[in-house]
Amino acid sequence: MSIQQVDYDGQIPYNVNLGSDVRVKRALEKWHPGYLNWWKDMGPEGFQESLVYLRTAISVGSKGWAKFDYLRMPEYRWGILLAPAAEGRTIPFGEQRGEPAWQEVPGEYRAMLRRLIVIQGDTEPASVEQQRHLGKTAPSLYDMRNLFQVNVEEGRHLWAMVYLLQKYFGTDGRDGAEALLQRRSGDPDTPRMLGAIYEKTPDWLSFFMFTFFQDRHGKMQLEAQAQSGFDPLSRTCRFMFTEEAHHMFVGETGIGRTVQRTCEAMVQAGQDVPYDVANQKAR
């Protein structure tokens, strides 16, 4: 199978020869039901049975990489997608600069890399949990569809990190993958790992701000990890860029539309002080 194409014949789509790696394939198939339970419990509330027009990756090439179709979100084909390997890639910085990139986890960096991947994986479902109520107050079908597209792709990014944990970190990796399904954003007993994920997203302006600022920060985080000397992590993050671009687009255009409509409303009301909400309502 070409690394450019995605195999959709099995339960878990992939472009990483998962079919020949029986141990990892079984581990992911065992993890899959728990993931679906998490999605149904903590994914978009009230829309699990709705048909949504979503894009799904069918290739990791730069053109024609996705297809669009109507489907129910629990039936979305989350999968394991890595960018093609760069022939002769070397470590770009640090003490090992210029040495061949690692295809396996070096023992001396095992704990550090595992923690890095767990933290990245923990942020992905957390944003879905924060945004699960927003579908009920969507300002338009266009916005609702964008929200759900962001949500399913954050779910796929969780799958990407879980694959790395399951394949390269043994028992510790499997334990880390299970724990990603147990934590909850804002839960005092089983909280997510990063402070930014504790912030509530109660309205659509908060969502637009999140996708504008937080996803932009996330892109820089992915860019840093794409430079990793651990090549599977680098390849995973390089493909995630393709999906992340849409998330930032949602934030940028959402804020732009909000500002535009605010200015129009102020002109209509003869108002020139944007934060004087009470006076504007009185008019």
C-alpha atoms as a PDB file:
ATOM      1  CA  MET A   1       0.000   0.000   0.000  1.00  0.00           C
ATOM      2  CA  SER A   2       1.278   3.467  -0.892  1.00  0.00           C
ATOM      3  CA  ILE A   3       1.945   5.750   2.080  1.00  0.00           C
ATOM      4  CA  GLN A   4      -0.028   8.397   0.172  1.00  0.00           C
ATOM      5  CA  GLN A   5      -3.253   6.358   0.241  1.00  0.00           C
ATOM      6  CA  VAL A   6      -5.415   5.427   3.220  1.00  0.00           C
ATOM      7  CA  ASP A   7      -6.709   1.866   3.691  1.00  0.00           C
ATOM      8  CA  TYR A   8     -10.417   1.952   4.647  1.00  0.00           C
ATOM      9  CA  ASP A   9     -11.109  -1.777   4.371  1.00  0.00           C
ATOM     10  CA  GLY A  10     -10.743  -2.524   8.083  1.00  0.00           C
ATOM     11  CA  GLN A  11     -12.238  -1.148  11.282  1.00  0.00           C
ATOM     12  CA  ILE A  12      -9.426   1.403  11.662  1.00  0.00           C
ATOM     13  CA  PRO A  13      -8.284   3.377   8.578  1.00  0.00           C
ATOM     14  CA  TYR A  14      -4.524   3.704   8.236  1.00  0.00           C
ATOM     15  CA  ASN A  15      -1.579   4.323   5.920  1.00  0.00           C
ATOM     16  CA  VAL A  16       1.083   2.754   8.166  1.00  0.00           C
ATOM     17  CA  ASN A  17       0.905  -0.982   7.315  1.00  0.00           C
ATOM     18  CA  LEU A  18      -1.164  -1.604  10.412  1.00  0.00           C
ATOM     19  CA  GLY A  19      -2.450  -4.833   8.873  1.00  0.00           C
ATOM     20  CA  SER A  20       0.962  -6.457   9.271  1.00  0.00           C
ATOM     21  CA  ASP A  21       1.442  -5.248  12.862  1.00  0.00           C
ATOM     22  CA  VAL A  22      -0.932  -7.615  14.656  1.00  0.00           C
ATOM     23  CA  ARG A  23      -0.006  -6.532  18.194  1.00  0.00           C
ATOM     24  CA  VAL A  24      -0.684  -2.836  17.620  1.00  0.00           C
ATOM     25  CA  LYS A  25      -3.765  -3.517  15.507  1.00  0.00           C
ATOM     26  CA  ARG A  26      -5.304  -5.602  18.291  1.00  0.00           C
ATOM     27  CA  ALA A  27      -4.410  -2.996  20.910  1.00  0.00           C
ATOM     28  CA  LEU A  28      -6.120  -0.257  18.896  1.00  0.00           C
ATOM     29  CA  GLU A  29      -9.175  -2.422  18.234  1.00  0.00           C
ATOM     30  CA  LYS A  30      -9.413  -3.038  21.977  1.00  0.00           C
ATOM     31  CA  TRP A  31      -9.124   0.719  22.648  1.00  0.00           C
ATOM     32  CA  HIS A  32     -11.718   1.622  19.994  1.00  0.00           C
ATOM     33  CA  PRO A  33     -14.935   0.785  21.962  1.00  0.00           C
ATOM     34  CA  GLY A  34     -13.774   2.906  24.892  1.00  0.00           C
ATOM     35  CA  TYR A  35     -13.142   5.780  22.514  1.00  0.00           C
ATOM     36  CA  LEU A  36     -16.646   5.478  21.050  1.00  0.00           C
ATOM     37  CA  ASN A  37     -18.117   5.452  24.559  1.00  0.00           C
ATOM     38  CA  TRP A  38     -16.177   8.619  25.361  1.00  0.00           C
ATOM     39  CA  TRP A  39     -17.380  10.272  22.129  1.00  0.00           C
ATOM     40  CA  LYS A  40     -21.018   9.423  22.814  1.00  0.00           C
ATOM     41  CA  ASP A  41     -20.734  10.660  26.405  1.00  0.00           C
ATOM     42  CA  MET A  42     -18.625  13.782  25.813  1.00  0.00           C
ATOM     43  CA  GLY A  43     -18.941  14.595  22.100  1.00  0.00           C
ATOM     44  CA  PRO A  44     -21.444  17.090  20.618  1.00  0.00           C
ATOM     45  CA  GLU A  45     -24.554  16.885  22.761  1.00  0.00           C
ATOM     46  CA  GLY A  46     -27.836  16.200  20.978  1.00  0.00           C
ATOM     47  CA  PHE A  47     -26.353  15.527  17.530  1.00  0.00           C
ATOM     48  CA  GLN A  48     -24.982  11.983  17.713  1.00  0.00           C
ATOM     49  CA  GLU A  49     -27.644  10.652  15.333  1.00  0.00           C
ATOM     50  CA  SER A  50     -27.686  13.662  12.997  1.00  0.00           C
ATOM     51  CA  LEU A  51     -26.300  13.413   9.478  1.00  0.00           C
ATOM     52  CA  VAL A  52     -23.449  15.909   9.139  1.00  0.00           C
ATOM     53  CA  TYR A  53     -21.532  16.900   5.997  1.00  0.00           C
ATOM     54  CA  LEU A  54     -17.933  16.092   6.956  1.00  0.00           C
ATOM     55  CA  ARG A  55     -14.594  15.683   5.252  1.00  0.00           C
ATOM     56  CA  THR A  56     -12.564  12.523   5.768  1.00  0.00           C
ATOM     57  CA  ALA A  57      -8.924  12.097   4.768  1.00  0.00           C
ATOM     58  CA  ILE A  58      -8.370   9.612   1.941  1.00  0.00           C
ATOM     59  CA  SER A  59      -4.754  10.519   1.211  1.00  0.00           C
ATOM     60  CA  VAL A  60      -1.842  12.358   2.794  1.00  0.00           C
ATOM     61  CA  GLY A  61      -0.825  13.997  -0.482  1.00  0.00           C
ATOM     62  CA  SER A  62      -1.075  17.744  -0.982  1.00  0.00           C
ATOM     63  CA  LYS A  63      -3.959  17.510  -3.485  1.00  0.00           C
ATOM     64  CA  GLY A  64      -7.260  15.676  -3.321  1.00  0.00           C
ATOM     65  CA  TRP A  65      -6.508  14.482   0.193  1.00  0.00           C
ATOM     66  CA  ALA A  66     -10.094  14.449   1.503  1.00  0.00           C
ATOM     67  CA  LYS A  67     -13.606  13.451   0.502  1.00  0.00           C
ATOM     68  CA  PHE A  68     -16.896  14.921   1.760  1.00  0.00           C
ATOM     69  CA  ASP A  69     -20.078  13.046   2.619  1.00  0.00           C
ATOM     70  CA  TYR A  70     -23.018  12.966   5.025  1.00  0.00           C
ATOM     71  CA  LEU A  71     -22.585  10.651   8.007  1.00  0.00           C
ATOM     72  CA  ARG A  72     -23.355  10.337  11.693  1.00  0.00           C
ATOM     73  CA  MET A  73     -20.433  11.468  13.807  1.00  0.00           C
ATOM     74  CA  PRO A  74     -20.013   8.189  15.774  1.00  0.00           C
ATOM     75  CA  GLU A  75     -19.571   6.523  12.356  1.00  0.00           C
ATOM     76  CA  TYR A  76     -16.755   8.880  11.331  1.00  0.00           C
ATOM     77  CA  ARG A  77     -13.672   6.965  10.175  1.00  0.00           C
ATOM     78  CA  TRP A  78     -11.021   8.110  12.619  1.00  0.00           C
ATOM     79  CA  GLY A  79      -7.698   6.668  11.581  1.00  0.00           C
ATOM     80  CA  ILE A  80      -3.904   6.536  11.769  1.00  0.00           C
ATOM     81  CA  LEU A  81      -2.348   8.871   9.208  1.00  0.00           C
ATOM     82  CA  LEU A  82       1.323   9.790   8.936  1.00  0.00           C
ATOM     83  CA  ALA A  83       2.994  12.045   6.388  1.00  0.00           C
ATOM     84  CA  PRO A  84       5.427  10.268   4.043  1.00  0.00           C
ATOM     85  CA  ALA A  85       8.886   9.632   5.445  1.00  0.00           C
ATOM     86  CA  ALA A  86      11.567  12.072   4.300  1.00  0.00           C
ATOM     87  CA  GLU A  87      14.397   9.998   2.859  1.00  0.00           C
ATOM     88  CA  GLY A  88      17.651  10.522   4.711  1.00  0.00           C
ATOM     89  CA  ARG A  89      16.046  12.749   7.351  1.00  0.00           C
ATOM     90  CA  THR A  90      18.410  13.735  10.148  1.00  0.00           C
ATOM     91  CA  ILE A  91      17.896  15.217  13.602  1.00  0.00           C
ATOM     92  CA  PRO A  92      17.742  18.997  13.044  1.00  0.00           C
ATOM     93  CA  PHE A  93      19.104  20.297  16.367  1.00  0.00           C
ATOM     94  CA  GLY A  94      20.601  19.425  19.751  1.00  0.00           C
ATOM     95  CA  GLU A  95      23.434  17.127  20.743  1.00  0.00           C
ATOM     96  CA  GLN A  96      22.451  14.575  18.071  1.00  0.00           C
ATOM     97  CA  ARG A  97      22.141  17.132  15.282  1.00  0.00           C
ATOM     98  CA  GLY A  98      22.959  15.592  11.914  1.00  0.00           C
ATOM     99  CA  GLU A  99      22.473  12.005  13.084  1.00  0.00           C
ATOM    100  CA  PRO A 100      19.781   9.845  11.425  1.00  0.00           C
ATOM    101  CA  ALA A 101      16.316  10.508  12.842  1.00  0.00           C
ATOM    102  CA  TRP A 102      15.174   7.879  15.347  1.00  0.00           C
ATOM    103  CA  GLN A 103      12.745   5.255  14.085  1.00  0.00           C
ATOM    104  CA  GLU A 104      12.473   3.754  17.574  1.00  0.00           C
ATOM    105  CA  VAL A 105      12.386   5.466  20.965  1.00  0.00           C
ATOM    106  CA  PRO A 106      15.874   5.951  22.482  1.00  0.00           C
ATOM    107  CA  GLY A 107      15.948   4.613  26.029  1.00  0.00           C
ATOM    108  CA  GLU A 108      17.374   7.804  27.522  1.00  0.00           C
ATOM    109  CA  TYR A 109      14.494   9.882  26.091  1.00  0.00           C
ATOM    110  CA  ARG A 110      11.702   7.373  26.590  1.00  0.00           C
ATOM    111  CA  ALA A 111      10.025   9.005  29.602  1.00  0.00           C
ATOM    112  CA  MET A 112      10.311  12.498  28.125  1.00  0.00           C
ATOM    113  CA  LEU A 113       8.845  11.490  24.764  1.00  0.00           C
ATOM    114  CA  ARG A 114       6.037   9.524  26.371  1.00  0.00           C
ATOM    115  CA  ARG A 115       5.036  12.497  28.516  1.00  0.00           C
ATOM    116  CA  LEU A 116       5.184  14.844  25.515  1.00  0.00           C
ATOM    117  CA  ILE A 117       2.897  12.575  23.476  1.00  0.00           C
ATOM    118  CA  VAL A 118       0.485  12.048  26.384  1.00  0.00           C
ATOM    119  CA  ILE A 119       0.163  15.811  26.930  1.00  0.00           C
ATOM    120  CA  GLN A 120      -0.439  16.414  23.226  1.00  0.00           C
ATOM    121  CA  GLY A 121      -2.998  13.619  23.179  1.00  0.00           C
ATOM    122  CA  ASP A 122      -4.721  14.989  26.279  1.00  0.00           C
ATOM    123  CA  THR A 123      -5.389  18.381  24.694  1.00  0.00           C
ATOM    124  CA  GLU A 124      -7.250  16.910  21.708  1.00  0.00           C
ATOM    125  CA  PRO A 125     -10.353  15.426  23.401  1.00  0.00           C
ATOM    126  CA  ALA A 126     -10.396  18.220  25.974  1.00  0.00           C
ATOM    127  CA  SER A 127     -11.472  20.837  23.428  1.00  0.00           C
ATOM    128  CA  VAL A 128     -14.290  18.539  22.254  1.00  0.00           C
ATOM    129  CA  GLU A 129     -15.486  18.310  25.856  1.00  0.00           C
ATOM    130  CA  GLN A 130     -15.346  22.090  26.244  1.00  0.00           C
ATOM    131  CA  GLN A 131     -17.388  22.678  23.082  1.00  0.00           C
ATOM    132  CA  ARG A 132     -19.956  19.883  23.342  1.00  0.00           C
ATOM    133  CA  HIS A 133     -22.933  22.178  24.063  1.00  0.00           C
ATOM    134  CA  LEU A 134     -22.314  24.720  21.292  1.00  0.00           C
ATOM    135  CA  GLY A 135     -24.249  22.909  18.567  1.00  0.00           C
ATOM    136  CA  LYS A 136     -27.508  23.873  20.291  1.00  0.00           C
ATOM    137  CA  THR A 137     -26.799  27.598  19.873  1.00  0.00           C
ATOM    138  CA  ALA A 138     -25.101  27.610  16.462  1.00  0.00           C
ATOM    139  CA  PRO A 139     -25.720  30.923  14.639  1.00  0.00           C
ATOM    140  CA  SER A 140     -26.026  29.075  11.307  1.00  0.00           C
ATOM    141  CA  LEU A 141     -25.795  25.626   9.748  1.00  0.00           C
ATOM    142  CA  TYR A 142     -22.466  26.725   8.281  1.00  0.00           C
ATOM    143  CA  ASP A 143     -21.087  27.378  11.764  1.00  0.00           C
ATOM    144  CA  MET A 144     -22.541  24.155  13.140  1.00  0.00           C
ATOM    145  CA  ARG A 145     -20.914  22.123  10.390  1.00  0.00           C
ATOM    146  CA  ASN A 146     -17.558  23.834  11.009  1.00  0.00           C
ATOM    147  CA  LEU A 147     -17.821  23.094  14.733  1.00  0.00           C
ATOM    148  CA  PHE A 148     -18.461  19.410  14.132  1.00  0.00           C
ATOM    149  CA  GLN A 149     -15.626  19.205  11.592  1.00  0.00           C
ATOM    150  CA  VAL A 150     -13.231  20.652  14.152  1.00  0.00           C
ATOM    151  CA  ASN A 151     -14.529  18.208  16.766  1.00  0.00           C
ATOM    152  CA  VAL A 152     -14.099  15.033  14.701  1.00  0.00           C
ATOM    153  CA  GLU A 153     -10.608  16.095  13.638  1.00  0.00           C
ATOM    154  CA  GLU A 154      -9.589  16.741  17.231  1.00  0.00           C
ATOM    155  CA  GLY A 155     -10.792  13.202  17.850  1.00  0.00           C
ATOM    156  CA  ARG A 156      -8.586  11.941  15.024  1.00  0.00           C
ATOM    157  CA  HIS A 157      -5.611  13.771  16.511  1.00  0.00           C
ATOM    158  CA  LEU A 158      -6.227  11.827  19.712  1.00  0.00           C
ATOM    159  CA  TRP A 159      -6.067   8.624  17.652  1.00  0.00           C
ATOM    160  CA  ALA A 160      -2.765   9.797  16.173  1.00  0.00           C
ATOM    161  CA  MET A 161      -1.158  10.131  19.604  1.00  0.00           C
ATOM    162  CA  VAL A 162      -2.672   6.877  20.859  1.00  0.00           C
ATOM    163  CA  TYR A 163      -1.137   5.023  17.914  1.00  0.00           C
ATOM    164  CA  LEU A 164       2.319   6.282  18.906  1.00  0.00           C
ATOM    165  CA  LEU A 165       1.746   5.269  22.528  1.00  0.00           C
ATOM    166  CA  GLN A 166       0.481   1.806  21.598  1.00  0.00           C
ATOM    167  CA  LYS A 167       3.193   1.068  19.050  1.00  0.00           C
ATOM    168  CA  TYR A 168       6.322   2.464  20.671  1.00  0.00           C
ATOM    169  CA  PHE A 169       5.826   2.537  24.451  1.00  0.00           C
ATOM    170  CA  GLY A 170       4.630  -0.932  25.442  1.00  0.00           C
ATOM    171  CA  THR A 171       2.649  -1.333  28.660  1.00  0.00           C
ATOM    172  CA  ASP A 172       3.289   2.267  29.715  1.00  0.00           C
ATOM    173  CA  GLY A 173       1.911   3.428  26.382  1.00  0.00           C
ATOM    174  CA  ARG A 174      -1.228   1.319  26.708  1.00  0.00           C
ATOM    175  CA  ASP A 175      -1.810   2.678  30.210  1.00  0.00           C
ATOM    176  CA  GLY A 176      -1.324   6.221  28.932  1.00  0.00           C
ATOM    177  CA  ALA A 177      -3.790   5.629  26.100  1.00  0.00           C
ATOM    178  CA  GLU A 178      -6.443   4.346  28.504  1.00  0.00           C
ATOM    179  CA  ALA A 179      -5.947   7.310  30.839  1.00  0.00           C
ATOM    180  CA  LEU A 180      -6.667   9.712  27.963  1.00  0.00           C
ATOM    181  CA  LEU A 181     -10.240   8.405  27.948  1.00  0.00           C
ATOM    182  CA  GLN A 182     -10.660   8.704  31.715  1.00  0.00           C
ATOM    183  CA  ARG A 183      -9.790  12.362  32.264  1.00  0.00           C
ATOM    184  CA  ARG A 184     -12.356  15.116  31.687  1.00  0.00           C
ATOM    185  CA  SER A 185     -12.019  18.834  31.089  1.00  0.00           C
ATOM    186  CA  GLY A 186     -12.974  20.721  34.249  1.00  0.00           C
ATOM    187  CA  ASP A 187     -13.526  17.581  36.327  1.00  0.00           C
ATOM    188  CA  PRO A 188     -12.085  18.149  39.831  1.00  0.00           C
ATOM    189  CA  ASP A 189     -11.403  14.431  40.339  1.00  0.00           C
ATOM    190  CA  THR A 190      -9.996  13.460  36.919  1.00  0.00           C
ATOM    191  CA  PRO A 191      -8.883  16.739  35.301  1.00  0.00           C
ATOM    192  CA  ARG A 192      -7.120  17.217  31.995  1.00  0.00           C
ATOM    193  CA  MET A 193      -3.430  18.060  32.181  1.00  0.00           C
ATOM    194  CA  LEU A 194      -3.131  21.649  30.881  1.00  0.00           C
ATOM    195  CA  GLY A 195      -4.610  24.786  32.415  1.00  0.00           C
ATOM    196  CA  ALA A 196      -5.932  26.166  29.115  1.00  0.00           C
ATOM    197  CA  ILE A 197      -8.268  23.199  28.896  1.00  0.00           C
ATOM    198  CA  TYR A 198     -10.015  24.201  32.123  1.00  0.00           C
ATOM    199  CA  GLU A 199     -11.437  27.344  30.528  1.00  0.00           C
ATOM    200  CA  LYS A 200     -15.108  27.038  29.633  1.00  0.00           C
ATOM    201  CA  THR A 201     -16.362  27.688  26.108  1.00  0.00           C
ATOM    202  CA  PRO A 202     -19.919  28.831  26.881  1.00  0.00           C
ATOM    203  CA  ASP A 203     -20.681  30.756  23.685  1.00  0.00           C
ATOM    204  CA  TRP A 204     -19.679  31.103  20.066  1.00  0.00           C
ATOM    205  CA  LEU A 205     -17.462  34.137  20.504  1.00  0.00           C
ATOM    206  CA  SER A 206     -15.456  32.084  23.011  1.00  0.00           C
ATOM    207  CA  PHE A 207     -15.253  29.281  20.431  1.00  0.00           C
ATOM    208  CA  PHE A 208     -14.033  31.652  17.724  1.00  0.00           C
ATOM    209  CA  MET A 209     -11.436  33.055  20.114  1.00  0.00           C
ATOM    210  CA  PHE A 210     -10.365  29.535  21.049  1.00  0.00           C
ATOM    211  CA  THR A 211      -9.883  28.453  17.439  1.00  0.00           C
ATOM    212  CA  PHE A 212      -8.167  31.746  16.582  1.00  0.00           C
ATOM    213  CA  PHE A 213      -5.703  31.865  19.485  1.00  0.00           C
ATOM    214  CA  GLN A 214      -5.516  28.392  21.016  1.00  0.00           C
ATOM    215  CA  ASP A 215      -5.374  26.531  17.714  1.00  0.00           C
ATOM    216  CA  ARG A 216      -2.755  28.994  16.477  1.00  0.00           C
ATOM    217  CA  HIS A 217      -0.725  28.163  19.560  1.00  0.00           C
ATOM    218  CA  GLY A 218      -1.431  24.499  18.843  1.00  0.00           C
ATOM    219  CA  LYS A 219      -0.038  24.892  15.344  1.00  0.00           C
ATOM    220  CA  MET A 220       3.218  26.258  16.760  1.00  0.00           C
ATOM    221  CA  GLN A 221       3.291  23.337  19.189  1.00  0.00           C
ATOM    222  CA  LEU A 222       2.812  20.891  16.315  1.00  0.00           C
ATOM    223  CA  GLU A 223       5.488  22.692  14.308  1.00  0.00           C
ATOM    224  CA  ALA A 224       7.937  22.204  17.170  1.00  0.00           C
ATOM    225  CA  GLN A 225       7.074  18.510  17.435  1.00  0.00           C
ATOM    226  CA  ALA A 226       7.371  18.105  13.670  1.00  0.00           C
ATOM    227  CA  GLN A 227      11.071  18.906  14.178  1.00  0.00           C
ATOM    228  CA  SER A 228      11.418  16.014  16.624  1.00  0.00           C
ATOM    229  CA  GLY A 229      14.285  13.597  16.242  1.00  0.00           C
ATOM    230  CA  PHE A 230      11.702  10.825  16.806  1.00  0.00           C
ATOM    231  CA  ASP A 231      10.572  10.420  13.211  1.00  0.00           C
ATOM    232  CA  PRO A 232       7.116   8.823  13.792  1.00  0.00           C
ATOM    233  CA  LEU A 233       6.129  11.812  15.955  1.00  0.00           C
ATOM    234  CA  SER A 234       7.446  14.204  13.319  1.00  0.00           C
ATOM    235  CA  ARG A 235       5.489  12.496  10.540  1.00  0.00           C
ATOM    236  CA  THR A 236       2.314  12.389  12.636  1.00  0.00           C
ATOM    237  CA  CYS A 237       2.425  16.118  13.357  1.00  0.00           C
ATOM    238  CA  ARG A 238       3.263  17.029   9.767  1.00  0.00           C
ATOM    239  CA  PHE A 239      -0.015  15.556   8.540  1.00  0.00           C
ATOM    240  CA  MET A 240      -1.969  17.156  11.379  1.00  0.00           C
ATOM    241  CA  PHE A 241      -0.981  20.567   9.931  1.00  0.00           C
ATOM    242  CA  THR A 242      -3.312  19.877   7.006  1.00  0.00           C
ATOM    243  CA  GLU A 243      -6.320  19.517   9.289  1.00  0.00           C
ATOM    244  CA  GLU A 244      -5.285  22.239  11.744  1.00  0.00           C
ATOM    245  CA  ALA A 245      -5.364  24.918   9.023  1.00  0.00           C
ATOM    246  CA  HIS A 246      -9.161  24.663   8.841  1.00  0.00           C
ATOM    247  CA  HIS A 247      -9.487  25.099  12.609  1.00  0.00           C
ATOM    248  CA  MET A 248      -7.642  28.417  12.478  1.00  0.00           C
ATOM    249  CA  PHE A 249      -9.722  29.441   9.457  1.00  0.00           C
ATOM    250  CA  VAL A 250     -12.877  28.893  11.524  1.00  0.00           C
ATOM    251  CA  GLY A 251     -11.559  31.182  14.256  1.00  0.00           C
ATOM    252  CA  GLU A 252     -10.241  33.895  11.957  1.00  0.00           C
ATOM    253  CA  THR A 253     -13.367  34.137   9.811  1.00  0.00           C
ATOM    254  CA  GLY A 254     -15.662  33.794  12.832  1.00  0.00           C
ATOM    255  CA  ILE A 255     -14.056  36.747  14.587  1.00  0.00           C
ATOM    256  CA  GLY A 256     -14.051  38.706  11.331  1.00  0.00           C
ATOM    257  CA  ARG A 257     -17.782  38.154  10.831  1.00  0.00           C
ATOM    258  CA  THR A 258     -18.479  39.086  14.450  1.00  0.00           C
ATOM    259  CA  VAL A 259     -16.569  42.356  14.145  1.00  0.00           C
ATOM    260  CA  GLN A 260     -18.226  43.131  10.805  1.00  0.00           C
ATOM    261  CA  ARG A 261     -21.733  42.561  12.160  1.00  0.00           C
ATOM    262  CA  THR A 262     -20.966  44.582  15.295  1.00  0.00           C
ATOM    263  CA  CYS A 263     -19.874  47.540  13.179  1.00  0.00           C
ATOM    264  CA  GLU A 264     -23.005  47.270  11.042  1.00  0.00           C
ATOM    265  CA  ALA A 265     -25.229  47.193  14.147  1.00  0.00           C
ATOM    266  CA  MET A 266     -23.431  50.213  15.604  1.00  0.00           C
ATOM    267  CA  VAL A 267     -23.955  52.192  12.400  1.00  0.00           C
ATOM    268  CA  GLN A 268     -27.631  51.260  12.339  1.00  0.00           C
ATOM    269  CA  ALA A 269     -27.999  52.341  15.978  1.00  0.00           C
ATOM    270  CA  GLY A 270     -25.989  55.533  15.546  1.00  0.00           C
ATOM    271  CA  GLN A 271     -23.550  54.260  18.163  1.00  0.00           C
ATOM    272  CA  ASP A 272     -19.791  54.824  18.161  1.00  0.00           C
ATOM    273  CA  VAL A 273     -18.833  53.296  21.545  1.00  0.00           C
ATOM    274  CA  PRO A 274     -18.622  49.505  21.042  1.00  0.00           C
ATOM    275  CA  TYR A 275     -18.654  48.582  24.738  1.00  0.00           C
ATOM    276  CA  ASP A 276     -21.679  50.758  25.605  1.00  0.00           C
ATOM    277  CA  VAL A 277     -24.011  47.785  25.315  1.00  0.00           C
ATOM    278  CA  ALA A 278     -26.800  49.179  27.516  1.00  0.00           C
ATOM    279  CA  ASN A 279     -27.110  52.366  25.461  1.00  0.00           C
ATOM    280  CA  GLN A 280     -27.083  50.420  22.217  1.00  0.00           C
ATOM    281  CA  LYS A 281     -29.872  48.129  23.447  1.00  0.00           C
ATOM    282  CA  ALA A 282     -31.903  51.174  24.508  1.00  0.00           C
ATOM    283  CA  ARG A 283     -31.779  52.475  20.967  1.00  0.00           C
END
